[in-house]
Amino acid sequence: FVTINGNELGAQISIRAEDIGLVRLRGRYVN
Protein backbone atom coordinates (compact mmCIF):
# COMPACT_ATOMS: atom_id res chain seq x y z
CA PHE A 1 0.00 0.00 0.00
CA VAL A 2 1.52 3.28 -1.17
CA THR A 3 1.27 6.73 0.39
CA ILE A 4 2.60 10.03 -0.93
CA ASN A 5 3.23 13.02 1.28
CA GLY A 6 4.48 15.98 -0.73
CA ASN A 7 7.69 14.76 -2.37
CA GLU A 8 8.04 11.62 -0.24
CA LEU A 9 6.88 8.12 -1.13
CA GLY A 10 5.76 5.88 1.70
CA ALA A 11 4.95 2.20 1.58
CA GLN A 12 3.38 -0.43 3.80
CA ILE A 13 4.55 -3.91 2.91
CA SER A 14 3.23 -7.24 4.15
CA ILE A 15 4.66 -10.31 2.48
CA ARG A 16 5.28 -13.97 3.30
CA ALA A 17 8.91 -14.77 3.97
CA GLU A 18 8.91 -17.74 1.58
CA ASP A 19 7.69 -15.49 -1.24
CA ILE A 20 11.02 -13.65 -1.18
CA GLY A 21 13.10 -16.82 -0.94
CA LEU A 22 13.32 -17.18 2.86
CA VAL A 23 12.06 -20.76 2.86
CA ARG A 24 13.39 -21.46 6.36
CA LEU A 25 11.01 -18.81 7.65
CA ARG A 26 7.96 -20.34 5.97
CA GLY A 27 4.76 -19.25 7.68
CA ARG A 28 6.16 -15.95 8.96
CA TYR A 29 5.45 -12.48 7.54
CA VAL A 30 7.53 -9.40 6.95
CA ASN A 31 5.39 -6.41 7.95
ModelCIF file with pLDDT and N, C-alpha, C, O atoms, coordinates in Angstrom:
data_MODEL
#
_entry.id   MODEL 
#
_entity.id                         1 
_entity.type                       polymer 
_entity.pdbx_number_of_molecules   1 
#
_entity_poly.entity_id                      1 
_entity_poly.type                           'polypeptide(L)' 
_entity_poly.nstd_linkage                   no 
_entity_poly.nstd_monomer                   no 
_entity_poly.pdbx_seq_one_letter_code       FVTINGNELGAQISIRAEDIGLVRLRGRYVN 
_entity_poly.pdbx_seq_one_letter_code_can   FVTINGNELGAQISIRAEDIGLVRLRGRYVN 
_entity_poly.pdbx_strand_id                 A 
#
loop_
_entity_poly_seq.entity_id 
_entity_poly_seq.num 
_entity_poly_seq.mon_id 
_entity_poly_seq.hetero 
1 1  PHE n 
1 2  VAL n 
1 3  THR n 
1 4  ILE n 
1 5  ASN n 
1 6  GLY n 
1 7  ASN n 
1 8  GLU n 
1 9  LEU n 
1 10 GLY n 
1 11 ALA n 
1 12 GLN n 
1 13 ILE n 
1 14 SER n 
1 15 ILE n 
1 16 ARG n 
1 17 ALA n 
1 18 GLU n 
1 19 ASP n 
1 20 ILE n 
1 21 GLY n 
1 22 LEU n 
1 23 VAL n 
1 24 ARG n 
1 25 LEU n 
1 26 ARG n 
1 27 GLY n 
1 28 ARG n 
1 29 TYR n 
1 30 VAL n 
1 31 ASN n 
#
_struct_asym.id          A 
_struct_asym.entity_id   1 
#
loop_
_ma_qa_metric.id 
_ma_qa_metric.mode 
_ma_qa_metric.name 
_ma_qa_metric.software_group_id 
_ma_qa_metric.type 
1 global pLDDT . pLDDT 
2 local  pLDDT . pLDDT 
#
_ma_qa_metric_global.metric_id      1 
_ma_qa_metric_global.metric_value   81.94 
_ma_qa_metric_global.model_id       1 
_ma_qa_metric_global.ordinal_id     1 
#
loop_
_ma_qa_metric_local.label_asym_id 
_ma_qa_metric_local.label_comp_id 
_ma_qa_metric_local.label_seq_id 
_ma_qa_metric_local.metric_id 
_ma_qa_metric_local.metric_value 
_ma_qa_metric_local.model_id 
_ma_qa_metric_local.ordinal_id 
A PHE 1  2 93.00 1 1  
A VAL 2  2 92.00 1 2  
A THR 3  2 95.00 1 3  
A ILE 4  2 94.00 1 4  
A ASN 5  2 91.00 1 5  
A GLY 6  2 89.00 1 6  
A ASN 7  2 88.00 1 7  
A GLU 8  2 88.00 1 8  
A LEU 9  2 92.00 1 9  
A GLY 10 2 93.00 1 10 
A ALA 11 2 91.00 1 11 
A GLN 12 2 91.00 1 12 
A ILE 13 2 85.00 1 13 
A SER 14 2 87.00 1 14 
A ILE 15 2 80.00 1 15 
A ARG 16 2 80.00 1 16 
A ALA 17 2 74.00 1 17 
A GLU 18 2 73.00 1 18 
A ASP 19 2 71.00 1 19 
A ILE 20 2 61.00 1 20 
A GLY 21 2 61.00 1 21 
A LEU 22 2 63.00 1 22 
A VAL 23 2 68.00 1 23 
A ARG 24 2 69.00 1 24 
A LEU 25 2 72.00 1 25 
A ARG 26 2 80.00 1 26 
A GLY 27 2 84.00 1 27 
A ARG 28 2 83.00 1 28 
A TYR 29 2 86.00 1 29 
A VAL 30 2 79.00 1 30 
A ASN 31 2 87.00 1 31 
#
loop_
_atom_site.group_PDB 
_atom_site.id 
_atom_site.type_symbol 
_atom_site.label_atom_id 
_atom_site.label_alt_id 
_atom_site.label_comp_id 
_atom_site.label_asym_id 
_atom_site.label_entity_id 
_atom_site.label_seq_id 
_atom_site.pdbx_PDB_ins_code 
_atom_site.Cartn_x 
_atom_site.Cartn_y 
_atom_site.Cartn_z 
_atom_site.occupancy 
_atom_site.B_iso_or_equiv 
_atom_site.pdbx_formal_charge 
_atom_site.auth_seq_id 
_atom_site.auth_comp_id 
_atom_site.auth_asym_id 
_atom_site.auth_atom_id 
_atom_site.pdbx_PDB_model_num 
ATOM 1   N N  . PHE A 1 1  ? 0.863  -1.174  0.000  1.00 93.00 ? 1  PHE A N  1 
ATOM 2   C CA . PHE A 1 1  ? 0.000  0.000   0.000  1.00 93.00 ? 1  PHE A CA 1 
ATOM 3   C C  . PHE A 1 1  ? 0.901  1.226   0.000  1.00 93.00 ? 1  PHE A C  1 
ATOM 4   O O  . PHE A 1 1  ? 1.798  1.354   0.833  1.00 93.00 ? 1  PHE A O  1 
ATOM 5   N N  . VAL A 1 2  ? 0.647  2.128   -0.951 1.00 92.00 ? 2  VAL A N  1 
ATOM 6   C CA . VAL A 1 2  ? 1.518  3.277   -1.167 1.00 92.00 ? 2  VAL A CA 1 
ATOM 7   C C  . VAL A 1 2  ? 0.884  4.548   -0.611 1.00 92.00 ? 2  VAL A C  1 
ATOM 8   O O  . VAL A 1 2  ? -0.326 4.750   -0.715 1.00 92.00 ? 2  VAL A O  1 
ATOM 9   N N  . THR A 1 3  ? 1.715  5.395   -0.024 1.00 95.00 ? 3  THR A N  1 
ATOM 10  C CA . THR A 1 3  ? 1.270  6.727   0.387  1.00 95.00 ? 3  THR A CA 1 
ATOM 11  C C  . THR A 1 3  ? 2.241  7.752   -0.203 1.00 95.00 ? 3  THR A C  1 
ATOM 12  O O  . THR A 1 3  ? 3.414  7.452   -0.426 1.00 95.00 ? 3  THR A O  1 
ATOM 13  N N  . ILE A 1 4  ? 1.746  8.944   -0.447 1.00 94.00 ? 4  ILE A N  1 
ATOM 14  C CA . ILE A 1 4  ? 2.601  10.029  -0.935 1.00 94.00 ? 4  ILE A CA 1 
ATOM 15  C C  . ILE A 1 4  ? 2.303  11.268  -0.114 1.00 94.00 ? 4  ILE A C  1 
ATOM 16  O O  . ILE A 1 4  ? 1.160  11.715  -0.023 1.00 94.00 ? 4  ILE A O  1 
ATOM 17  N N  . ASN A 1 5  ? 3.345  11.812  0.479  1.00 91.00 ? 5  ASN A N  1 
ATOM 18  C CA . ASN A 1 5  ? 3.227  13.023  1.276  1.00 91.00 ? 5  ASN A CA 1 
ATOM 19  C C  . ASN A 1 5  ? 4.179  14.059  0.697  1.00 91.00 ? 5  ASN A C  1 
ATOM 20  O O  . ASN A 1 5  ? 5.383  14.022  0.951  1.00 91.00 ? 5  ASN A O  1 
ATOM 21  N N  . GLY A 1 6  ? 3.626  14.988  -0.088 1.00 89.00 ? 6  GLY A N  1 
ATOM 22  C CA . GLY A 1 6  ? 4.477  15.977  -0.735 1.00 89.00 ? 6  GLY A CA 1 
ATOM 23  C C  . GLY A 1 6  ? 5.397  15.328  -1.752 1.00 89.00 ? 6  GLY A C  1 
ATOM 24  O O  . GLY A 1 6  ? 4.942  14.815  -2.774 1.00 89.00 ? 6  GLY A O  1 
ATOM 25  N N  . ASN A 1 7  ? 6.702  15.352  -1.467 1.00 88.00 ? 7  ASN A N  1 
ATOM 26  C CA . ASN A 1 7  ? 7.686  14.759  -2.373 1.00 88.00 ? 7  ASN A CA 1 
ATOM 27  C C  . ASN A 1 7  ? 8.247  13.453  -1.822 1.00 88.00 ? 7  ASN A C  1 
ATOM 28  O O  . ASN A 1 7  ? 9.310  13.004  -2.251 1.00 88.00 ? 7  ASN A O  1 
ATOM 29  N N  . GLU A 1 8  ? 7.541  12.845  -0.876 1.00 88.00 ? 8  GLU A N  1 
ATOM 30  C CA . GLU A 1 8  ? 8.041  11.624  -0.237 1.00 88.00 ? 8  GLU A CA 1 
ATOM 31  C C  . GLU A 1 8  ? 7.094  10.458  -0.484 1.00 88.00 ? 8  GLU A C  1 
ATOM 32  O O  . GLU A 1 8  ? 5.882  10.581  -0.310 1.00 88.00 ? 8  GLU A O  1 
ATOM 33  N N  . LEU A 1 9  ? 7.659  9.331   -0.891 1.00 92.00 ? 9  LEU A N  1 
ATOM 34  C CA . LEU A 1 9  ? 6.879  8.116   -1.129 1.00 92.00 ? 9  LEU A CA 1 
ATOM 35  C C  . LEU A 1 9  ? 6.970  7.210   0.088  1.00 92.00 ? 9  LEU A C  1 
ATOM 36  O O  . LEU A 1 9  ? 8.059  6.876   0.555  1.00 92.00 ? 9  LEU A O  1 
ATOM 37  N N  . GLY A 1 10 ? 5.806  6.819   0.592  1.00 93.00 ? 10 GLY A N  1 
ATOM 38  C CA . GLY A 1 10 ? 5.760  5.880   1.700  1.00 93.00 ? 10 GLY A CA 1 
ATOM 39  C C  . GLY A 1 10 ? 5.171  4.562   1.238  1.00 93.00 ? 10 GLY A C  1 
ATOM 40  O O  . GLY A 1 10 ? 4.448  4.515   0.243  1.00 93.00 ? 10 GLY A O  1 
ATOM 41  N N  . ALA A 1 11 ? 5.475  3.502   1.950  1.00 91.00 ? 11 ALA A N  1 
ATOM 42  C CA . ALA A 1 11 ? 4.949  2.197   1.576  1.00 91.00 ? 11 ALA A CA 1 
ATOM 43  C C  . ALA A 1 11 ? 4.739  1.340   2.808  1.00 91.00 ? 11 ALA A C  1 
ATOM 44  O O  . ALA A 1 11 ? 5.560  1.334   3.726  1.00 91.00 ? 11 ALA A O  1 
ATOM 45  N N  . GLN A 1 12 ? 3.626  0.614   2.818  1.00 91.00 ? 12 GLN A N  1 
ATOM 46  C CA . GLN A 1 12 ? 3.378  -0.427  3.804  1.00 91.00 ? 12 GLN A CA 1 
ATOM 47  C C  . GLN A 1 12 ? 3.478  -1.747  3.060  1.00 91.00 ? 12 GLN A C  1 
ATOM 48  O O  . GLN A 1 12 ? 2.836  -1.941  2.029  1.00 91.00 ? 12 GLN A O  1 
ATOM 49  N N  . ILE A 1 13 ? 4.282  -2.644  3.586  1.00 85.00 ? 13 ILE A N  1 
ATOM 50  C CA . ILE A 1 13 ? 4.552  -3.910  2.912  1.00 85.00 ? 13 ILE A CA 1 
ATOM 51  C C  . ILE A 1 13 ? 4.250  -5.063  3.854  1.00 85.00 ? 13 ILE A C  1 
ATOM 52  O O  . ILE A 1 13 ? 4.693  -5.061  5.003  1.00 85.00 ? 13 ILE A O  1 
ATOM 53  N N  . SER A 1 14 ? 3.508  -6.034  3.383  1.00 87.00 ? 14 SER A N  1 
ATOM 54  C CA . SER A 1 14 ? 3.231  -7.244  4.152  1.00 87.00 ? 14 SER A CA 1 
ATOM 55  C C  . SER A 1 14 ? 3.366  -8.429  3.204  1.00 87.00 ? 14 SER A C  1 
ATOM 56  O O  . SER A 1 14 ? 2.571  -8.588  2.278  1.00 87.00 ? 14 SER A O  1 
ATOM 57  N N  . ILE A 1 15 ? 4.367  -9.249  3.439  1.00 80.00 ? 15 ILE A N  1 
ATOM 58  C CA . ILE A 1 15 ? 4.661  -10.314 2.476  1.00 80.00 ? 15 ILE A CA 1 
ATOM 59  C C  . ILE A 1 15 ? 5.176  -11.553 3.202  1.00 80.00 ? 15 ILE A C  1 
ATOM 60  O O  . ILE A 1 15 ? 5.879  -11.443 4.207  1.00 80.00 ? 15 ILE A O  1 
ATOM 61  N N  . ARG A 1 16 ? 4.828  -12.717 2.696  1.00 80.00 ? 16 ARG A N  1 
ATOM 62  C CA . ARG A 1 16 ? 5.284  -13.969 3.305  1.00 80.00 ? 16 ARG A CA 1 
ATOM 63  C C  . ARG A 1 16 ? 6.779  -14.144 3.065  1.00 80.00 ? 16 ARG A C  1 
ATOM 64  O O  . ARG A 1 16 ? 7.284  -13.854 1.981  1.00 80.00 ? 16 ARG A O  1 
ATOM 65  N N  . ALA A 1 17 ? 7.461  -14.612 4.065  1.00 74.00 ? 17 ALA A N  1 
ATOM 66  C CA . ALA A 1 17 ? 8.915  -14.767 3.966  1.00 74.00 ? 17 ALA A CA 1 
ATOM 67  C C  . ALA A 1 17 ? 9.309  -15.702 2.819  1.00 74.00 ? 17 ALA A C  1 
ATOM 68  O O  . ALA A 1 17 ? 10.286 -15.447 2.115  1.00 74.00 ? 17 ALA A O  1 
ATOM 69  N N  . GLU A 1 18 ? 8.546  -16.786 2.634  1.00 73.00 ? 18 GLU A N  1 
ATOM 70  C CA . GLU A 1 18 ? 8.909  -17.736 1.580  1.00 73.00 ? 18 GLU A CA 1 
ATOM 71  C C  . GLU A 1 18 ? 8.738  -17.149 0.184  1.00 73.00 ? 18 GLU A C  1 
ATOM 72  O O  . GLU A 1 18 ? 9.349  -17.626 -0.772 1.00 73.00 ? 18 GLU A O  1 
ATOM 73  N N  . ASP A 1 19 ? 7.904  -16.106 0.064  1.00 71.00 ? 19 ASP A N  1 
ATOM 74  C CA . ASP A 1 19 ? 7.693  -15.487 -1.245 1.00 71.00 ? 19 ASP A CA 1 
ATOM 75  C C  . ASP A 1 19 ? 8.891  -14.668 -1.700 1.00 71.00 ? 19 ASP A C  1 
ATOM 76  O O  . ASP A 1 19 ? 8.995  -14.318 -2.876 1.00 71.00 ? 19 ASP A O  1 
ATOM 77  N N  . ILE A 1 20 ? 9.793  -14.362 -0.780 1.00 61.00 ? 20 ILE A N  1 
ATOM 78  C CA . ILE A 1 20 ? 11.017 -13.651 -1.180 1.00 61.00 ? 20 ILE A CA 1 
ATOM 79  C C  . ILE A 1 20 ? 12.241 -14.544 -0.958 1.00 61.00 ? 20 ILE A C  1 
ATOM 80  O O  . ILE A 1 20 ? 13.361 -14.062 -0.787 1.00 61.00 ? 20 ILE A O  1 
ATOM 81  N N  . GLY A 1 21 ? 11.993 -15.876 -0.964 1.00 61.00 ? 21 GLY A N  1 
ATOM 82  C CA . GLY A 1 21 ? 13.104 -16.820 -0.939 1.00 61.00 ? 21 GLY A CA 1 
ATOM 83  C C  . GLY A 1 21 ? 13.562 -17.262 0.431  1.00 61.00 ? 21 GLY A C  1 
ATOM 84  O O  . GLY A 1 21 ? 14.514 -18.035 0.536  1.00 61.00 ? 21 GLY A O  1 
ATOM 85  N N  . LEU A 1 22 ? 12.907 -16.789 1.500  1.00 63.00 ? 22 LEU A N  1 
ATOM 86  C CA . LEU A 1 22 ? 13.318 -17.177 2.855  1.00 63.00 ? 22 LEU A CA 1 
ATOM 87  C C  . LEU A 1 22 ? 12.511 -18.403 3.285  1.00 63.00 ? 22 LEU A C  1 
ATOM 88  O O  . LEU A 1 22 ? 11.636 -18.322 4.148  1.00 63.00 ? 22 LEU A O  1 
ATOM 89  N N  . VAL A 1 23 ? 12.829 -19.538 2.661  1.00 68.00 ? 23 VAL A N  1 
ATOM 90  C CA . VAL A 1 23 ? 12.061 -20.763 2.863  1.00 68.00 ? 23 VAL A CA 1 
ATOM 91  C C  . VAL A 1 23 ? 12.124 -21.227 4.318  1.00 68.00 ? 23 VAL A C  1 
ATOM 92  O O  . VAL A 1 23 ? 11.147 -21.768 4.837  1.00 68.00 ? 23 VAL A O  1 
ATOM 93  N N  . ARG A 1 24 ? 13.246 -21.022 4.968  1.00 69.00 ? 24 ARG A N  1 
ATOM 94  C CA . ARG A 1 24 ? 13.393 -21.461 6.360  1.00 69.00 ? 24 ARG A CA 1 
ATOM 95  C C  . ARG A 1 24 ? 12.468 -20.710 7.309  1.00 69.00 ? 24 ARG A C  1 
ATOM 96  O O  . ARG A 1 24 ? 12.246 -21.137 8.442  1.00 69.00 ? 24 ARG A O  1 
ATOM 97  N N  . LEU A 1 25 ? 11.932 -19.589 6.838  1.00 72.00 ? 25 LEU A N  1 
ATOM 98  C CA . LEU A 1 25 ? 11.006 -18.807 7.653  1.00 72.00 ? 25 LEU A CA 1 
ATOM 99  C C  . LEU A 1 25 ? 9.568  -18.969 7.178  1.00 72.00 ? 25 LEU A C  1 
ATOM 100 O O  . LEU A 1 25 ? 8.720  -18.110 7.420  1.00 72.00 ? 25 LEU A O  1 
ATOM 101 N N  . ARG A 1 26 ? 9.304  -20.085 6.495  1.00 80.00 ? 26 ARG A N  1 
ATOM 102 C CA . ARG A 1 26 ? 7.959  -20.339 5.973  1.00 80.00 ? 26 ARG A CA 1 
ATOM 103 C C  . ARG A 1 26 ? 6.911  -20.181 7.071  1.00 80.00 ? 26 ARG A C  1 
ATOM 104 O O  . ARG A 1 26 ? 7.059  -20.691 8.182  1.00 80.00 ? 26 ARG A O  1 
ATOM 105 N N  . GLY A 1 27 ? 5.841  -19.453 6.721  1.00 84.00 ? 27 GLY A N  1 
ATOM 106 C CA . GLY A 1 27 ? 4.764  -19.246 7.681  1.00 84.00 ? 27 GLY A CA 1 
ATOM 107 C C  . GLY A 1 27 ? 4.869  -17.940 8.444  1.00 84.00 ? 27 GLY A C  1 
ATOM 108 O O  . GLY A 1 27 ? 3.938  -17.559 9.154  1.00 84.00 ? 27 GLY A O  1 
ATOM 109 N N  . ARG A 1 28 ? 6.006  -17.241 8.305  1.00 83.00 ? 28 ARG A N  1 
ATOM 110 C CA . ARG A 1 28 ? 6.162  -15.953 8.963  1.00 83.00 ? 28 ARG A CA 1 
ATOM 111 C C  . ARG A 1 28 ? 6.002  -14.834 7.935  1.00 83.00 ? 28 ARG A C  1 
ATOM 112 O O  . ARG A 1 28 ? 6.137  -15.062 6.733  1.00 83.00 ? 28 ARG A O  1 
ATOM 113 N N  . TYR A 1 29 ? 5.714  -13.627 8.416  1.00 86.00 ? 29 TYR A N  1 
ATOM 114 C CA . TYR A 1 29 ? 5.449  -12.484 7.542  1.00 86.00 ? 29 TYR A CA 1 
ATOM 115 C C  . TYR A 1 29 ? 6.381  -11.329 7.866  1.00 86.00 ? 29 TYR A C  1 
ATOM 116 O O  . TYR A 1 29 ? 6.719  -11.074 9.022  1.00 86.00 ? 29 TYR A O  1 
ATOM 117 N N  . VAL A 1 30 ? 6.785  -10.640 6.803  1.00 79.00 ? 30 VAL A N  1 
ATOM 118 C CA . VAL A 1 30 ? 7.533  -9.401  6.948  1.00 79.00 ? 30 VAL A CA 1 
ATOM 119 C C  . VAL A 1 30 ? 6.535  -8.260  6.826  1.00 79.00 ? 30 VAL A C  1 
ATOM 120 O O  . VAL A 1 30 ? 5.982  -8.026  5.752  1.00 79.00 ? 30 VAL A O  1 
ATOM 121 N N  . ASN A 1 31 ? 6.304  -7.551  7.926  1.00 87.00 ? 31 ASN A N  1 
ATOM 122 C CA . ASN A 1 31 ? 5.394  -6.407  7.950  1.00 87.00 ? 31 ASN A CA 1 
ATOM 123 C C  . ASN A 1 31 ? 6.221  -5.160  8.197  1.00 87.00 ? 31 ASN A C  1 
ATOM 124 O O  . ASN A 1 31 ? 5.673  -4.059  8.260  1.00 87.00 ? 31 ASN A O  1 
#
